């Protein structure tokens, strides 16, 4: 018998009625509100963006507003994923419920995948709403609307960022004994990856071309570049994405969805299975 739909439904109800959901709303929507406020300030006082860019940008457009917002947008998305996914297995351990769950006629993969899909679906909807609110707020302020294909590329980019950190945190949740330990481990990975992404921007070109293959945002930016036909702003790094070939787009998608997303989930299921058989 397939228990995945029941687990998915119950986990979704539990999440929507939990404190973690309230925290998720704050982490996702509060930065968007701050971004709207800052965009309004720049629009009415363009000298702000001129000073920030050394006179390189003097006109405030929807693309410029989104570029400024995307410098910080991935961070709360990643934090939301880490805080929630760290509770998937480690939380059940702390509550003494994991042994009860695995003693039922459930497959281990159903437990992991059910929790993962439940959170990911809600997460996707929240990110979609958040960016559309930001877009319509720019229109309301008189700045203008972001192009549909550019907006879609941003939605996909932030969703993929969230999926990667959700997958990694699910693996950490399986390895760690407590939720706090899993969150701290996820947070350290997040900081290390951010520092690495910033570091390679200032390295010699030959070195950065090699190291950027280990950067999450390198692959995210390739996807943004392809989906927006080179019209969208880059995540974290600033500037506008170059046009990307289909080959680079597919490779980037394979790395993110395969190595950085499906592999950690598969390892989580295997580890959970091994821990159960060694009891």
C-alpha atoms as a PDB file:
ATOM      1  CA  UNK A   1       0.000   0.000   0.000  1.00  0.00           C
ATOM      2  CA  UNK A   2       1.236   3.483  -0.892  1.00  0.00           C
ATOM      3  CA  UNK A   3       1.362   5.771   2.163  1.00  0.00           C
ATOM      4  CA  UNK A   4       3.051   8.726   0.436  1.00  0.00           C
ATOM      5  CA  UNK A   5      -0.173  10.745  -0.205  1.00  0.00           C
ATOM      6  CA  UNK A   6      -1.227  10.361   3.448  1.00  0.00           C
ATOM      7  CA  UNK A   7       2.207  11.451   4.709  1.00  0.00           C
ATOM      8  CA  UNK A   8       2.231  14.372   2.264  1.00  0.00           C
ATOM      9  CA  UNK A   9      -1.221  15.532   3.374  1.00  0.00           C
ATOM     10  CA  UNK A  10      -0.522  15.190   7.102  1.00  0.00           C
ATOM     11  CA  UNK A  11       2.860  16.907   6.888  1.00  0.00           C
ATOM     12  CA  UNK A  12       1.343  19.803   4.929  1.00  0.00           C
ATOM     13  CA  UNK A  13      -1.383  20.294   7.552  1.00  0.00           C
ATOM     14  CA  UNK A  14       1.161  20.055  10.381  1.00  0.00           C
ATOM     15  CA  UNK A  15       3.481  22.561   8.716  1.00  0.00           C
ATOM     16  CA  UNK A  16       0.773  25.125   7.940  1.00  0.00           C
ATOM     17  CA  UNK A  17      -0.362  25.053  11.578  1.00  0.00           C
ATOM     18  CA  UNK A  18       3.152  25.229  13.073  1.00  0.00           C
ATOM     19  CA  UNK A  19       5.323  28.052  14.364  1.00  0.00           C
ATOM     20  CA  UNK A  20       7.852  27.196  11.687  1.00  0.00           C
ATOM     21  CA  UNK A  21       5.336  28.314   9.060  1.00  0.00           C
ATOM     22  CA  UNK A  22       4.965  31.712  10.772  1.00  0.00           C
ATOM     23  CA  UNK A  23       8.760  32.026  10.858  1.00  0.00           C
ATOM     24  CA  UNK A  24       8.894  31.059   7.174  1.00  0.00           C
ATOM     25  CA  UNK A  25       6.412  33.811   6.297  1.00  0.00           C
ATOM     26  CA  UNK A  26       8.567  36.367   8.119  1.00  0.00           C
ATOM     27  CA  UNK A  27      11.795  35.189   6.481  1.00  0.00           C
ATOM     28  CA  UNK A  28      10.263  35.150   3.004  1.00  0.00           C
ATOM     29  CA  UNK A  29       8.067  38.261   2.991  1.00  0.00           C
ATOM     30  CA  UNK A  30       9.856  40.692   5.339  1.00  0.00           C
ATOM     31  CA  UNK A  31      12.888  41.081   3.009  1.00  0.00           C
ATOM     32  CA  UNK A  32      10.461  41.620   0.100  1.00  0.00           C
ATOM     33  CA  UNK A  33       8.760  44.439   2.016  1.00  0.00           C
ATOM     34  CA  UNK A  34      12.172  45.976   2.764  1.00  0.00           C
ATOM     35  CA  UNK A  35      13.071  45.617  -0.933  1.00  0.00           C
ATOM     36  CA  UNK A  36       9.886  47.439  -1.967  1.00  0.00           C
ATOM     37  CA  UNK A  37      10.616  50.229   0.512  1.00  0.00           C
ATOM     38  CA  UNK A  38      14.210  50.571  -0.731  1.00  0.00           C
ATOM     39  CA  UNK A  39      13.055  50.558  -4.375  1.00  0.00           C
ATOM     40  CA  UNK A  40      10.657  53.400  -3.598  1.00  0.00           C
ATOM     41  CA  UNK A  41      13.510  55.352  -1.975  1.00  0.00           C
ATOM     42  CA  UNK A  42      15.749  54.837  -5.020  1.00  0.00           C
ATOM     43  CA  UNK A  43      12.947  55.811  -7.408  1.00  0.00           C
ATOM     44  CA  UNK A  44      12.308  59.123  -5.658  1.00  0.00           C
ATOM     45  CA  UNK A  45      16.007  59.760  -5.024  1.00  0.00           C
ATOM     46  CA  UNK A  46      18.104  58.238  -7.861  1.00  0.00           C
ATOM     47  CA  UNK A  47      21.276  59.657  -6.309  1.00  0.00           C
ATOM     48  CA  UNK A  48      21.150  56.703  -3.878  1.00  0.00           C
ATOM     49  CA  UNK A  49      21.776  54.134  -6.606  1.00  0.00           C
ATOM     50  CA  UNK A  50      24.225  56.506  -8.322  1.00  0.00           C
ATOM     51  CA  UNK A  51      26.343  56.682  -5.147  1.00  0.00           C
ATOM     52  CA  UNK A  52      26.095  52.914  -4.613  1.00  0.00           C
ATOM     53  CA  UNK A  53      27.354  52.163  -8.145  1.00  0.00           C
ATOM     54  CA  UNK A  54      29.868  54.997  -8.457  1.00  0.00           C
ATOM     55  CA  UNK A  55      27.722  56.763 -11.044  1.00  0.00           C
ATOM     56  CA  UNK A  56      27.420  53.656 -13.231  1.00  0.00           C
ATOM     57  CA  UNK A  57      23.618  53.563 -12.770  1.00  0.00           C
ATOM     58  CA  UNK A  58      21.596  56.780 -12.521  1.00  0.00           C
ATOM     59  CA  UNK A  59      18.126  55.623 -13.611  1.00  0.00           C
ATOM     60  CA  UNK A  60      15.884  53.365 -11.518  1.00  0.00           C
ATOM     61  CA  UNK A  61      14.104  50.674 -13.554  1.00  0.00           C
ATOM     62  CA  UNK A  62      12.364  47.418 -12.567  1.00  0.00           C
ATOM     63  CA  UNK A  63      15.535  45.530 -13.563  1.00  0.00           C
ATOM     64  CA  UNK A  64      17.695  47.725 -11.299  1.00  0.00           C
ATOM     65  CA  UNK A  65      15.287  47.268  -8.382  1.00  0.00           C
ATOM     66  CA  UNK A  66      15.339  43.506  -8.834  1.00  0.00           C
ATOM     67  CA  UNK A  67      19.123  43.537  -9.170  1.00  0.00           C
ATOM     68  CA  UNK A  68      19.441  45.289  -5.805  1.00  0.00           C
ATOM     69  CA  UNK A  69      16.904  42.933  -4.222  1.00  0.00           C
ATOM     70  CA  UNK A  70      18.594  39.780  -5.537  1.00  0.00           C
ATOM     71  CA  UNK A  71      21.771  40.676  -3.655  1.00  0.00           C
ATOM     72  CA  UNK A  72      19.996  39.554  -0.467  1.00  0.00           C
ATOM     73  CA  UNK A  73      16.961  37.518  -1.635  1.00  0.00           C
ATOM     74  CA  UNK A  74      18.649  34.061  -1.731  1.00  0.00           C
ATOM     75  CA  UNK A  75      19.781  34.306   1.911  1.00  0.00           C
ATOM     76  CA  UNK A  76      16.332  34.256   3.606  1.00  0.00           C
ATOM     77  CA  UNK A  77      15.210  31.598   1.102  1.00  0.00           C
ATOM     78  CA  UNK A  78      18.146  29.386   2.095  1.00  0.00           C
ATOM     79  CA  UNK A  79      17.587  30.047   5.810  1.00  0.00           C
ATOM     80  CA  UNK A  80      13.917  29.092   5.500  1.00  0.00           C
ATOM     81  CA  UNK A  81      14.885  25.834   3.802  1.00  0.00           C
ATOM     82  CA  UNK A  82      17.550  25.017   6.402  1.00  0.00           C
ATOM     83  CA  UNK A  83      15.348  25.715   9.428  1.00  0.00           C
ATOM     84  CA  UNK A  84      12.440  23.657   8.119  1.00  0.00           C
ATOM     85  CA  UNK A  85      14.261  20.726   6.497  1.00  0.00           C
ATOM     86  CA  UNK A  86      16.470  20.257   9.563  1.00  0.00           C
ATOM     87  CA  UNK A  87      13.338  19.166  11.420  1.00  0.00           C
ATOM     88  CA  UNK A  88      12.349  16.445   8.928  1.00  0.00           C
ATOM     89  CA  UNK A  89      14.177  13.521  10.563  1.00  0.00           C
ATOM     90  CA  UNK A  90      16.111  15.092  13.456  1.00  0.00           C
ATOM     91  CA  UNK A  91      12.856  16.548  14.796  1.00  0.00           C
ATOM     92  CA  UNK A  92      11.223  13.118  14.812  1.00  0.00           C
ATOM     93  CA  UNK A  93      14.248  11.759  16.698  1.00  0.00           C
ATOM     94  CA  UNK A  94      13.977  14.463  19.366  1.00  0.00           C
ATOM     95  CA  UNK A  95      10.252  13.894  19.769  1.00  0.00           C
ATOM     96  CA  UNK A  96      10.811  10.133  20.034  1.00  0.00           C
ATOM     97  CA  UNK A  97       8.597   9.532  17.011  1.00  0.00           C
ATOM     98  CA  UNK A  98      11.113   8.188  14.495  1.00  0.00           C
ATOM     99  CA  UNK A  99      11.151   4.628  15.850  1.00  0.00           C
ATOM    100  CA  UNK A 100       7.354   4.632  15.846  1.00  0.00           C
ATOM    101  CA  UNK A 101       7.262   5.828  12.231  1.00  0.00           C
ATOM    102  CA  UNK A 102       9.721   3.237  10.936  1.00  0.00           C
ATOM    103  CA  UNK A 103       7.939   0.471  12.874  1.00  0.00           C
ATOM    104  CA  UNK A 104       4.772   1.110  10.871  1.00  0.00           C
ATOM    105  CA  UNK A 105       4.244  -0.470   7.430  1.00  0.00           C
ATOM    106  CA  UNK A 106       5.869   2.555   5.785  1.00  0.00           C
ATOM    107  CA  UNK A 107       8.755   2.610   3.359  1.00  0.00           C
ATOM    108  CA  UNK A 108      11.642   4.792   4.522  1.00  0.00           C
ATOM    109  CA  UNK A 109      11.592   6.662   1.229  1.00  0.00           C
ATOM    110  CA  UNK A 110       7.930   7.564   1.797  1.00  0.00           C
ATOM    111  CA  UNK A 111       8.794   9.262   5.104  1.00  0.00           C
ATOM    112  CA  UNK A 112      11.635  11.307   3.604  1.00  0.00           C
ATOM    113  CA  UNK A 113       9.982  12.104   0.266  1.00  0.00           C
ATOM    114  CA  UNK A 114       6.594  12.868   1.862  1.00  0.00           C
ATOM    115  CA  UNK A 115       8.112  15.453   4.203  1.00  0.00           C
ATOM    116  CA  UNK A 116      10.321  16.849   1.436  1.00  0.00           C
ATOM    117  CA  UNK A 117       7.530  17.276  -1.122  1.00  0.00           C
ATOM    118  CA  UNK A 118       5.124  18.706   1.442  1.00  0.00           C
ATOM    119  CA  UNK A 119       7.471  21.524   2.416  1.00  0.00           C
ATOM    120  CA  UNK A 120       8.756  22.092  -1.135  1.00  0.00           C
ATOM    121  CA  UNK A 121       5.258  22.619  -2.541  1.00  0.00           C
ATOM    122  CA  UNK A 122       4.345  25.213   0.096  1.00  0.00           C
ATOM    123  CA  UNK A 123       7.780  26.800  -0.367  1.00  0.00           C
ATOM    124  CA  UNK A 124       7.280  27.088  -4.139  1.00  0.00           C
ATOM    125  CA  UNK A 125       3.888  28.769  -3.706  1.00  0.00           C
ATOM    126  CA  UNK A 126       5.281  31.277  -1.173  1.00  0.00           C
ATOM    127  CA  UNK A 127       8.192  32.219  -3.452  1.00  0.00           C
ATOM    128  CA  UNK A 128       5.815  32.638  -6.410  1.00  0.00           C
ATOM    129  CA  UNK A 129       3.538  34.920  -4.362  1.00  0.00           C
ATOM    130  CA  UNK A 130       6.476  36.876  -2.938  1.00  0.00           C
ATOM    131  CA  UNK A 131       8.026  37.778  -6.305  1.00  0.00           C
ATOM    132  CA  UNK A 132       4.668  38.650  -7.843  1.00  0.00           C
ATOM    133  CA  UNK A 133       3.905  40.951  -4.904  1.00  0.00           C
ATOM    134  CA  UNK A 134       7.299  42.600  -5.430  1.00  0.00           C
ATOM    135  CA  UNK A 135       6.609  42.970  -9.154  1.00  0.00           C
ATOM    136  CA  UNK A 136       3.144  44.506  -8.743  1.00  0.00           C
ATOM    137  CA  UNK A 137       4.451  46.786  -5.986  1.00  0.00           C
ATOM    138  CA  UNK A 138       6.993  48.200  -8.459  1.00  0.00           C
ATOM    139  CA  UNK A 139       4.130  48.839 -10.898  1.00  0.00           C
ATOM    140  CA  UNK A 140       2.074  50.524  -8.158  1.00  0.00           C
ATOM    141  CA  UNK A 141       5.023  52.758  -7.233  1.00  0.00           C
ATOM    142  CA  UNK A 142       5.298  53.883 -10.860  1.00  0.00           C
ATOM    143  CA  UNK A 143       8.598  52.109 -11.561  1.00  0.00           C
ATOM    144  CA  UNK A 144       7.083  49.562 -13.947  1.00  0.00           C
ATOM    145  CA  UNK A 145       6.661  45.812 -14.341  1.00  0.00           C
ATOM    146  CA  UNK A 146       9.364  43.198 -14.790  1.00  0.00           C
ATOM    147  CA  UNK A 147       9.083  41.248 -18.058  1.00  0.00           C
ATOM    148  CA  UNK A 148       7.258  37.936 -17.679  1.00  0.00           C
ATOM    149  CA  UNK A 149      10.135  35.723 -18.835  1.00  0.00           C
ATOM    150  CA  UNK A 150      12.569  37.590 -16.573  1.00  0.00           C
ATOM    151  CA  UNK A 151      10.205  37.236 -13.614  1.00  0.00           C
ATOM    152  CA  UNK A 152       9.792  33.518 -14.357  1.00  0.00           C
ATOM    153  CA  UNK A 153      13.574  33.074 -14.422  1.00  0.00           C
ATOM    154  CA  UNK A 154      13.799  34.690 -10.961  1.00  0.00           C
ATOM    155  CA  UNK A 155      11.047  32.446  -9.591  1.00  0.00           C
ATOM    156  CA  UNK A 156      12.807  29.342 -10.931  1.00  0.00           C
ATOM    157  CA  UNK A 157      16.180  30.551  -9.606  1.00  0.00           C
ATOM    158  CA  UNK A 158      14.925  31.143  -6.055  1.00  0.00           C
ATOM    159  CA  UNK A 159      12.916  27.903  -6.062  1.00  0.00           C
ATOM    160  CA  UNK A 160      16.011  25.950  -7.148  1.00  0.00           C
ATOM    161  CA  UNK A 161      18.077  27.690  -4.457  1.00  0.00           C
ATOM    162  CA  UNK A 162      15.500  26.628  -1.883  1.00  0.00           C
ATOM    163  CA  UNK A 163      15.369  23.063  -3.238  1.00  0.00           C
ATOM    164  CA  UNK A 164      19.161  22.659  -2.991  1.00  0.00           C
ATOM    165  CA  UNK A 165      19.299  23.816   0.633  1.00  0.00           C
ATOM    166  CA  UNK A 166      16.213  21.756   1.487  1.00  0.00           C
ATOM    167  CA  UNK A 167      17.898  18.638   0.081  1.00  0.00           C
ATOM    168  CA  UNK A 168      21.206  19.267   1.852  1.00  0.00           C
ATOM    169  CA  UNK A 169      19.432  20.035   5.143  1.00  0.00           C
ATOM    170  CA  UNK A 170      17.351  16.858   4.798  1.00  0.00           C
ATOM    171  CA  UNK A 171      20.600  14.885   4.621  1.00  0.00           C
ATOM    172  CA  UNK A 172      21.998  16.769   7.629  1.00  0.00           C
ATOM    173  CA  UNK A 173      18.750  16.110   9.506  1.00  0.00           C
ATOM    174  CA  UNK A 174      19.235  12.383   8.888  1.00  0.00           C
ATOM    175  CA  UNK A 175      22.856  12.469  10.051  1.00  0.00           C
ATOM    176  CA  UNK A 176      22.431  14.661  13.144  1.00  0.00           C
ATOM    177  CA  UNK A 177      20.794  13.678  16.417  1.00  0.00           C
ATOM    178  CA  UNK A 178      19.099  17.023  17.054  1.00  0.00           C
ATOM    179  CA  UNK A 179      17.428  19.810  15.096  1.00  0.00           C
ATOM    180  CA  UNK A 180      19.749  22.535  16.398  1.00  0.00           C
ATOM    181  CA  UNK A 181      22.842  20.598  15.313  1.00  0.00           C
ATOM    182  CA  UNK A 182      21.361  20.124  11.826  1.00  0.00           C
ATOM    183  CA  UNK A 183      20.474  23.839  11.580  1.00  0.00           C
ATOM    184  CA  UNK A 184      23.971  24.901  12.677  1.00  0.00           C
ATOM    185  CA  UNK A 185      25.583  22.544  10.158  1.00  0.00           C
ATOM    186  CA  UNK A 186      23.314  23.876   7.400  1.00  0.00           C
ATOM    187  CA  UNK A 187      24.056  27.459   8.411  1.00  0.00           C
ATOM    188  CA  UNK A 188      27.822  26.818   8.272  1.00  0.00           C
ATOM    189  CA  UNK A 189      27.470  25.351   4.769  1.00  0.00           C
ATOM    190  CA  UNK A 190      25.409  28.394   3.717  1.00  0.00           C
ATOM    191  CA  UNK A 191      28.003  30.867   5.031  1.00  0.00           C
ATOM    192  CA  UNK A 192      30.898  28.905   3.520  1.00  0.00           C
ATOM    193  CA  UNK A 193      29.177  28.798   0.124  1.00  0.00           C
ATOM    194  CA  UNK A 194      28.397  32.535   0.239  1.00  0.00           C
ATOM    195  CA  UNK A 195      31.998  33.396   1.166  1.00  0.00           C
ATOM    196  CA  UNK A 196      33.235  31.125  -1.628  1.00  0.00           C
ATOM    197  CA  UNK A 197      30.904  32.792  -4.161  1.00  0.00           C
ATOM    198  CA  UNK A 198      32.132  36.250  -3.211  1.00  0.00           C
ATOM    199  CA  UNK A 199      35.776  35.138  -3.101  1.00  0.00           C
ATOM    200  CA  UNK A 200      35.894  33.847  -6.671  1.00  0.00           C
ATOM    201  CA  UNK A 201      34.707  37.243  -7.949  1.00  0.00           C
ATOM    202  CA  UNK A 202      38.046  38.781  -6.929  1.00  0.00           C
ATOM    203  CA  UNK A 203      40.377  35.993  -8.025  1.00  0.00           C
ATOM    204  CA  UNK A 204      42.337  35.999 -11.314  1.00  0.00           C
ATOM    205  CA  UNK A 205      40.171  34.979 -14.256  1.00  0.00           C
ATOM    206  CA  UNK A 206      41.988  31.684 -14.883  1.00  0.00           C
ATOM    207  CA  UNK A 207      41.513  30.636 -11.255  1.00  0.00           C
ATOM    208  CA  UNK A 208      37.906  31.810 -10.965  1.00  0.00           C
ATOM    209  CA  UNK A 209      36.952  29.983 -14.188  1.00  0.00           C
ATOM    210  CA  UNK A 210      38.005  26.731 -12.514  1.00  0.00           C
ATOM    211  CA  UNK A 211      36.595  27.364  -9.045  1.00  0.00           C
ATOM    212  CA  UNK A 212      33.231  28.706 -10.231  1.00  0.00           C
ATOM    213  CA  UNK A 213      32.254  25.140 -11.193  1.00  0.00           C
ATOM    214  CA  UNK A 214      31.871  24.526  -7.438  1.00  0.00           C
ATOM    215  CA  UNK A 215      29.652  27.595  -6.993  1.00  0.00           C
ATOM    216  CA  UNK A 216      25.889  27.179  -6.623  1.00  0.00           C
ATOM    217  CA  UNK A 217      25.179  30.606  -8.083  1.00  0.00           C
ATOM    218  CA  UNK A 218      27.278  29.848 -11.172  1.00  0.00           C
ATOM    219  CA  UNK A 219      24.722  27.200 -12.151  1.00  0.00           C
ATOM    220  CA  UNK A 220      21.758  29.299 -10.986  1.00  0.00           C
ATOM    221  CA  UNK A 221      22.975  32.227 -13.097  1.00  0.00           C
ATOM    222  CA  UNK A 222      23.323  29.976 -16.158  1.00  0.00           C
ATOM    223  CA  UNK A 223      19.667  29.019 -15.760  1.00  0.00           C
ATOM    224  CA  UNK A 224      18.645  32.668 -15.313  1.00  0.00           C
ATOM    225  CA  UNK A 225      20.650  33.654 -18.395  1.00  0.00           C
ATOM    226  CA  UNK A 226      19.037  31.007 -20.591  1.00  0.00           C
ATOM    227  CA  UNK A 227      15.453  31.531 -19.408  1.00  0.00           C
ATOM    228  CA  UNK A 228      15.616  35.326 -19.683  1.00  0.00           C
ATOM    229  CA  UNK A 229      17.655  35.403 -22.924  1.00  0.00           C
ATOM    230  CA  UNK A 230      20.303  37.442 -21.139  1.00  0.00           C
ATOM    231  CA  UNK A 231      17.889  40.099 -19.839  1.00  0.00           C
ATOM    232  CA  UNK A 232      17.850  39.259 -16.119  1.00  0.00           C
ATOM    233  CA  UNK A 233      20.067  40.423 -13.267  1.00  0.00           C
ATOM    234  CA  UNK A 234      22.429  37.902 -11.715  1.00  0.00           C
ATOM    235  CA  UNK A 235      21.939  36.503  -8.230  1.00  0.00           C
ATOM    236  CA  UNK A 236      24.322  37.896  -5.604  1.00  0.00           C
ATOM    237  CA  UNK A 237      26.963  39.053  -8.090  1.00  0.00           C
ATOM    238  CA  UNK A 238      25.135  41.987  -9.692  1.00  0.00           C
ATOM    239  CA  UNK A 239      25.220  42.826 -13.374  1.00  0.00           C
ATOM    240  CA  UNK A 240      23.127  41.286 -16.143  1.00  0.00           C
ATOM    241  CA  UNK A 241      23.294  37.621 -17.065  1.00  0.00           C
ATOM    242  CA  UNK A 242      24.870  36.686 -20.405  1.00  0.00           C
ATOM    243  CA  UNK A 243      22.982  34.660 -22.984  1.00  0.00           C
ATOM    244  CA  UNK A 244      23.495  30.985 -22.209  1.00  0.00           C
ATOM    245  CA  UNK A 245      23.448  28.069 -24.645  1.00  0.00           C
ATOM    246  CA  UNK A 246      21.054  25.139 -24.308  1.00  0.00           C
ATOM    247  CA  UNK A 247      24.028  22.914 -23.486  1.00  0.00           C
ATOM    248  CA  UNK A 248      25.107  25.031 -20.496  1.00  0.00           C
ATOM    249  CA  UNK A 249      21.498  25.345 -19.366  1.00  0.00           C
ATOM    250  CA  UNK A 250      20.947  21.570 -19.367  1.00  0.00           C
ATOM    251  CA  UNK A 251      24.271  20.914 -17.615  1.00  0.00           C
ATOM    252  CA  UNK A 252      23.416  23.454 -14.920  1.00  0.00           C
ATOM    253  CA  UNK A 253      19.967  21.935 -14.477  1.00  0.00           C
ATOM    254  CA  UNK A 254      21.484  18.450 -14.159  1.00  0.00           C
ATOM    255  CA  UNK A 255      23.965  19.587 -11.502  1.00  0.00           C
ATOM    256  CA  UNK A 256      21.300  21.352  -9.424  1.00  0.00           C
ATOM    257  CA  UNK A 257      18.515  18.777  -9.724  1.00  0.00           C
ATOM    258  CA  UNK A 258      20.785  15.736  -9.784  1.00  0.00           C
ATOM    259  CA  UNK A 259      23.945  16.168  -7.708  1.00  0.00           C
ATOM    260  CA  UNK A 260      22.736  18.922  -5.365  1.00  0.00           C
ATOM    261  CA  UNK A 261      19.080  17.869  -4.930  1.00  0.00           C
ATOM    262  CA  UNK A 262      18.269  14.221  -5.699  1.00  0.00           C
ATOM    263  CA  UNK A 263      21.598  12.816  -4.459  1.00  0.00           C
ATOM    264  CA  UNK A 264      21.250  14.185  -0.880  1.00  0.00           C
ATOM    265  CA  UNK A 265      17.667  12.856  -0.726  1.00  0.00           C
ATOM    266  CA  UNK A 266      18.788   9.421  -1.954  1.00  0.00           C
ATOM    267  CA  UNK A 267      21.583   9.380   0.641  1.00  0.00           C
ATOM    268  CA  UNK A 268      19.087  10.371   3.354  1.00  0.00           C
ATOM    269  CA  UNK A 269      16.874   7.391   2.490  1.00  0.00           C
ATOM    270  CA  UNK A 270      19.849   4.987   2.430  1.00  0.00           C
ATOM    271  CA  UNK A 271      21.197   6.258   5.768  1.00  0.00           C
ATOM    272  CA  UNK A 272      17.767   6.060   7.403  1.00  0.00           C
ATOM    273  CA  UNK A 273      17.390   2.504   6.129  1.00  0.00           C
ATOM    274  CA  UNK A 274      20.843   1.476   7.444  1.00  0.00           C
ATOM    275  CA  UNK A 275      20.215   3.033  10.860  1.00  0.00           C
ATOM    276  CA  UNK A 276      16.948   1.134  11.120  1.00  0.00           C
ATOM    277  CA  UNK A 277      18.536  -2.227  10.212  1.00  0.00           C
ATOM    278  CA  UNK A 278      21.378  -1.766  12.732  1.00  0.00           C
ATOM    279  CA  UNK A 279      19.024  -1.209  15.692  1.00  0.00           C
END
